[in-house]
């Protein structure tokens, strides 16, 4: 009876990282960790990126499936480019527009699968709404630590960032009640603004995924960022439901 109950608790989890290797690798490590617990994983990305990623360990190959979604062509994006490593920073907005066009094939995959949970990045601002409509639990997995999310603020504050003077991003925000030196340098802000996607800024993307997902998982732990995690919980406004730090364990 216990074995049957344990088997029913196994999940099918879809994983959808942003097209950058600094994002692929944490998502892949998390996928391997979840597979070691017996959950089925569908790791979704573009064909070229899936080919580049490390092979899944033989003992997990039956639980981790690579799901390729061809990247749609976008005017301004060079042919065959599928990750930020192949682009100068100023062209990354075109990659984000192509990534956003993966919404229809990804939605079709989710509709035709038995996925229970969806773990995604900050870029697909449209995805939490899709998951909710399909009855799938969505989790925003932040590869950025709690200090960054605390600096950004609540979803409401993040949405206001696009309208603020650039200099406001170079100072510690007023809602952080403890000593901190986390802030942008002015040249970083200027460079980032010049390369911002006019269709959907990174601030908009962050705000919408935090606002729409069921949980936020942060690659951090209370032992490392106790104050910051507490602040992010408070800003989420849903202390016992929204935030789930990943404990200080190797995965």
Protein backbone atom coordinates (compact mmCIF):
# COMPACT_ATOMS: atom_id res chain seq x y z
CA UNK A 1 0.00 0.00 0.00
CA UNK A 2 2.80 2.44 0.88
CA UNK A 3 4.52 1.72 -2.45
CA UNK A 4 1.29 2.43 -4.36
CA UNK A 5 0.79 5.70 -2.48
CA UNK A 6 4.38 6.73 -3.19
CA UNK A 7 3.94 5.90 -6.89
CA UNK A 8 0.83 8.10 -7.11
CA UNK A 9 2.84 11.03 -5.73
CA UNK A 10 5.26 10.98 -8.64
CA UNK A 11 4.83 14.01 -10.89
CA UNK A 12 5.36 14.95 -14.51
CA UNK A 13 7.27 18.24 -14.45
CA UNK A 14 7.92 20.41 -17.51
CA UNK A 15 11.00 22.66 -17.38
CA UNK A 16 11.39 25.70 -19.65
CA UNK A 17 14.55 27.81 -19.19
CA UNK A 18 15.57 31.01 -20.94
CA UNK A 19 17.95 30.57 -23.90
CA UNK A 20 21.20 31.26 -22.05
CA UNK A 21 23.67 28.75 -20.66
CA UNK A 22 23.79 30.53 -17.33
CA UNK A 23 20.12 29.52 -17.12
CA UNK A 24 20.25 26.12 -18.83
CA UNK A 25 22.71 24.62 -16.37
CA UNK A 26 20.87 25.44 -13.09
CA UNK A 27 17.61 24.26 -14.68
CA UNK A 28 19.27 21.04 -15.84
CA UNK A 29 20.78 20.38 -12.41
CA UNK A 30 17.40 20.96 -10.81
CA UNK A 31 15.83 18.60 -13.36
CA UNK A 32 18.35 15.88 -12.53
CA UNK A 33 17.68 16.33 -8.82
CA UNK A 34 13.93 16.01 -9.33
CA UNK A 35 14.44 12.95 -11.53
CA UNK A 36 16.51 11.35 -8.78
CA UNK A 37 13.41 11.67 -6.60
CA UNK A 38 11.48 9.66 -9.18
CA UNK A 39 9.63 12.44 -11.00
CA UNK A 40 9.33 12.50 -14.81
CA UNK A 41 10.90 15.55 -16.43
CA UNK A 42 10.22 17.13 -19.82
CA UNK A 43 13.10 19.53 -20.46
CA UNK A 44 11.90 21.92 -23.16
CA UNK A 45 14.14 24.07 -25.34
CA UNK A 46 15.29 24.51 -28.93
CA UNK A 47 16.99 21.66 -30.82
CA UNK A 48 20.45 23.21 -31.01
CA UNK A 49 20.56 23.96 -27.29
CA UNK A 50 19.34 20.53 -26.28
CA UNK A 51 22.07 18.99 -28.44
CA UNK A 52 24.70 21.08 -26.65
CA UNK A 53 23.64 20.20 -23.13
CA UNK A 54 25.34 17.45 -21.18
CA UNK A 55 23.96 13.99 -21.59
CA UNK A 56 21.58 12.76 -18.92
CA UNK A 57 23.03 10.14 -16.58
CA UNK A 58 22.09 6.62 -17.78
CA UNK A 59 20.20 5.87 -14.57
CA UNK A 60 17.96 8.93 -15.17
CA UNK A 61 17.50 8.65 -18.94
CA UNK A 62 14.11 6.94 -18.58
CA UNK A 63 12.82 9.86 -16.49
CA UNK A 64 14.24 12.89 -18.35
CA UNK A 65 12.94 13.60 -21.87
CA UNK A 66 14.36 16.37 -24.03
CA UNK A 67 11.54 18.13 -25.88
CA UNK A 68 12.72 20.20 -28.89
CA UNK A 69 10.72 23.22 -30.05
CA UNK A 70 12.15 24.86 -33.19
CA UNK A 71 12.81 28.57 -32.69
CA UNK A 72 10.66 30.67 -35.04
CA UNK A 73 12.52 33.06 -37.38
CA UNK A 74 12.41 36.71 -36.37
CA UNK A 75 13.50 39.69 -38.44
CA UNK A 76 16.78 40.94 -37.01
CA UNK A 77 17.81 37.62 -35.48
CA UNK A 78 20.63 35.89 -37.43
CA UNK A 79 19.81 32.48 -38.87
CA UNK A 80 20.57 29.44 -36.70
CA UNK A 81 21.09 31.50 -33.54
CA UNK A 82 19.38 29.89 -30.55
CA UNK A 83 21.16 31.24 -27.46
CA UNK A 84 22.64 34.43 -26.02
CA UNK A 85 26.15 32.96 -26.36
CA UNK A 86 25.85 33.41 -30.14
CA UNK A 87 24.82 37.07 -30.06
CA UNK A 88 26.12 40.49 -29.09
CA UNK A 89 24.08 41.86 -26.21
CA UNK A 90 22.37 44.49 -28.38
CA UNK A 91 20.68 41.71 -30.42
CA UNK A 92 19.33 39.76 -27.44
CA UNK A 93 15.91 41.50 -27.70
CA UNK A 94 15.38 39.73 -31.04
CA UNK A 95 16.07 36.40 -29.34
CA UNK A 96 13.46 37.24 -26.71
CA UNK A 97 10.91 37.99 -29.42
CA UNK A 98 11.61 34.61 -31.04
CA UNK A 99 11.37 32.95 -27.61
CA UNK A 100 7.97 34.58 -27.05
CA UNK A 101 6.80 33.02 -30.31
CA UNK A 102 7.31 29.58 -28.75
CA UNK A 103 4.04 30.18 -26.87
CA UNK A 104 1.81 28.31 -29.40
CA UNK A 105 3.93 25.12 -29.73
CA UNK A 106 4.63 25.05 -25.98
CA UNK A 107 0.93 25.46 -25.23
CA UNK A 108 0.12 22.63 -27.62
CA UNK A 109 2.68 20.37 -25.92
CA UNK A 110 1.26 21.14 -22.47
CA UNK A 111 -2.30 20.56 -23.66
CA UNK A 112 -1.41 17.14 -25.06
CA UNK A 113 0.65 15.97 -22.09
CA UNK A 114 -0.07 14.97 -18.50
CA UNK A 115 2.21 17.66 -17.00
CA UNK A 116 1.35 18.48 -13.36
CA UNK A 117 3.92 21.21 -12.70
CA UNK A 118 5.75 23.70 -14.90
CA UNK A 119 9.06 25.28 -13.85
CA UNK A 120 9.97 28.32 -15.92
CA UNK A 121 12.29 31.31 -16.13
CA UNK A 122 11.61 35.06 -15.90
CA UNK A 123 11.42 35.70 -19.66
CA UNK A 124 8.09 34.01 -20.65
CA UNK A 125 5.76 36.55 -19.04
CA UNK A 126 2.81 34.90 -20.80
CA UNK A 127 3.42 31.40 -19.43
CA UNK A 128 1.83 31.54 -15.93
CA UNK A 129 -1.46 32.54 -17.51
CA UNK A 130 -1.23 29.64 -19.98
CA UNK A 131 -0.46 27.21 -17.15
CA UNK A 132 -3.38 28.46 -15.05
CA UNK A 133 -5.76 28.05 -17.98
CA UNK A 134 -4.58 24.46 -18.46
CA UNK A 135 -4.80 23.61 -14.76
CA UNK A 136 -1.02 23.27 -14.38
CA UNK A 137 0.85 24.57 -11.33
CA UNK A 138 3.57 27.04 -12.38
CA UNK A 139 6.81 27.81 -10.55
CA UNK A 140 9.14 30.69 -11.36
CA UNK A 141 12.65 29.37 -10.67
CA UNK A 142 14.90 32.38 -10.14
CA UNK A 143 18.56 31.73 -10.84
CA UNK A 144 19.11 35.20 -9.34
CA UNK A 145 19.53 35.26 -5.58
CA UNK A 146 17.17 36.84 -3.07
CA UNK A 147 19.21 40.06 -2.92
CA UNK A 148 18.36 40.77 -6.56
CA UNK A 149 14.64 40.11 -6.08
CA UNK A 150 14.61 42.26 -2.95
CA UNK A 151 16.21 45.09 -4.93
CA UNK A 152 13.61 44.78 -7.70
CA UNK A 153 10.72 44.98 -5.22
CA UNK A 154 7.13 43.80 -5.40
CA UNK A 155 5.49 43.18 -8.80
CA UNK A 156 3.87 46.60 -8.52
CA UNK A 157 7.22 48.29 -7.86
CA UNK A 158 8.91 46.35 -10.67
CA UNK A 159 6.31 47.56 -13.19
CA UNK A 160 7.10 51.15 -12.17
CA UNK A 161 10.81 50.68 -12.82
CA UNK A 162 10.41 51.35 -16.55
CA UNK A 163 9.01 54.80 -15.79
CA UNK A 164 11.65 55.85 -13.27
CA UNK A 165 14.79 57.90 -13.94
CA UNK A 166 17.83 55.75 -14.59
CA UNK A 167 19.51 57.15 -11.49
CA UNK A 168 16.86 55.52 -9.28
CA UNK A 169 18.30 52.14 -10.18
CA UNK A 170 21.74 53.11 -8.89
CA UNK A 171 20.66 53.50 -5.25
CA UNK A 172 19.41 51.02 -2.68
CA UNK A 173 15.59 51.25 -2.69
CA UNK A 174 13.77 52.65 0.33
CA UNK A 175 11.93 49.40 1.06
CA UNK A 176 15.14 47.59 2.05
CA UNK A 177 15.35 48.11 5.84
CA UNK A 178 18.86 46.73 6.39
CA UNK A 179 22.34 47.70 5.13
CA UNK A 180 22.82 46.73 1.49
CA UNK A 181 25.04 47.69 -1.43
CA UNK A 182 22.99 45.90 -4.10
CA UNK A 183 22.27 48.41 -6.87
CA UNK A 184 23.16 49.01 -10.50
CA UNK A 185 26.05 51.19 -11.61
CA UNK A 186 24.95 53.95 -13.96
CA UNK A 187 26.85 52.58 -16.96
CA UNK A 188 25.15 49.19 -16.42
CA UNK A 189 21.72 50.81 -16.47
CA UNK A 190 22.46 52.85 -19.59
CA UNK A 191 23.84 49.83 -21.44
CA UNK A 192 20.90 47.65 -20.40
CA UNK A 193 18.34 50.30 -21.39
CA UNK A 194 19.90 50.64 -24.85
CA UNK A 195 19.45 46.90 -25.37
CA UNK A 196 15.97 46.62 -23.85
CA UNK A 197 13.21 44.95 -25.84
CA UNK A 198 10.61 47.57 -26.73
CA UNK A 199 7.87 44.90 -26.82
CA UNK A 200 8.35 43.70 -23.23
CA UNK A 201 11.06 44.97 -20.89
CA UNK A 202 12.85 42.69 -18.45
CA UNK A 203 11.09 44.52 -15.60
CA UNK A 204 7.71 43.75 -17.16
CA UNK A 205 8.70 40.10 -17.60
CA UNK A 206 9.84 39.76 -13.99
CA UNK A 207 6.69 41.40 -12.64
CA UNK A 208 4.30 39.27 -14.67
CA UNK A 209 5.90 35.91 -13.89
CA UNK A 210 6.07 36.69 -10.16
CA UNK A 211 2.50 37.97 -10.20
CA UNK A 212 1.10 35.05 -12.18
CA UNK A 213 2.94 31.97 -10.91
CA UNK A 214 1.90 29.84 -7.98
CA UNK A 215 5.35 29.67 -6.36
CA UNK A 216 8.68 31.46 -6.61
CA UNK A 217 11.71 29.22 -6.03
CA UNK A 218 14.97 31.03 -5.36
CA UNK A 219 18.41 29.50 -5.66
CA UNK A 220 19.35 30.53 -2.14
CA UNK A 221 18.72 29.56 1.48
CA UNK A 222 18.02 31.21 4.87
CA UNK A 223 21.55 30.41 6.06
CA UNK A 224 22.94 32.58 3.27
CA UNK A 225 20.27 35.27 2.74
CA UNK A 226 17.91 35.13 5.69
CA UNK A 227 17.03 38.84 5.75
CA UNK A 228 16.65 39.07 1.98
CA UNK A 229 14.42 35.99 1.79
CA UNK A 230 12.25 37.38 4.59
CA UNK A 231 11.88 40.67 2.73
CA UNK A 232 11.00 38.97 -0.56
CA UNK A 233 8.33 36.95 1.25
CA UNK A 234 6.83 40.12 2.67
CA UNK A 235 6.86 41.88 -0.70
CA UNK A 236 5.14 38.90 -2.31
CA UNK A 237 2.27 39.55 0.11
CA UNK A 238 1.65 35.82 0.42
CA UNK A 239 4.22 34.72 2.96
CA UNK A 240 3.15 31.13 3.42
CA UNK A 241 2.22 30.37 -0.19
CA UNK A 242 4.41 32.07 -2.72
CA UNK A 243 8.09 31.80 -1.88
CA UNK A 244 10.11 28.60 -1.65
CA UNK A 245 13.88 28.98 -1.21
CA UNK A 246 15.97 26.04 -2.38
CA UNK A 247 17.81 24.83 0.69
CA UNK A 248 21.61 24.78 0.87
CA UNK A 249 21.94 21.35 -0.71
CA UNK A 250 23.81 20.16 -3.74
CA UNK A 251 21.60 19.24 -6.67
